[in-house]
Amino acid sequence: MQTLIVYPAAAVAEIAGCFAFWAWLRLDKSPLWVLPGLASLALFAWLLTFAEASMAGRAYAAYGGVYIVASLVWLWAVEGAVPDRWDLVGAAACLAGAGIILFGPRGA
């Protein structure tokens, strides 16, 4: 259950950190945007350590689906572009895959 809280929080931290660099390098914002961006990326990495997965690679793989959905929410909420049906279908497929990776039965 903790992972269901950690993944969305990590996604917001990662997207915000990456967007800070995007804003600096692509939107001609001040280089000072990098400072909160770095802090946000460090928070992202720290948050992922709380994922309830036995292996880091599995935690990261499952997180990928949540990241994709969060990126489309960011696209809509921050950048003002509404995701189209293909964005939504692709995100649903990725989220289903993340669920399989995270919650699938494992042998001993």
Foldseek 3Di string as FASTA:
>chain_A
DLQVVLLLLLLVLQVQLVVLVCCVPPVVDDPVSNVSSVVSNVVSVVSLVPHPDPDSVLSVQLSVLVNLVSVQVCCCPPVNDHDDPVSVVVSVVSNVVSCCSRPPDDDD
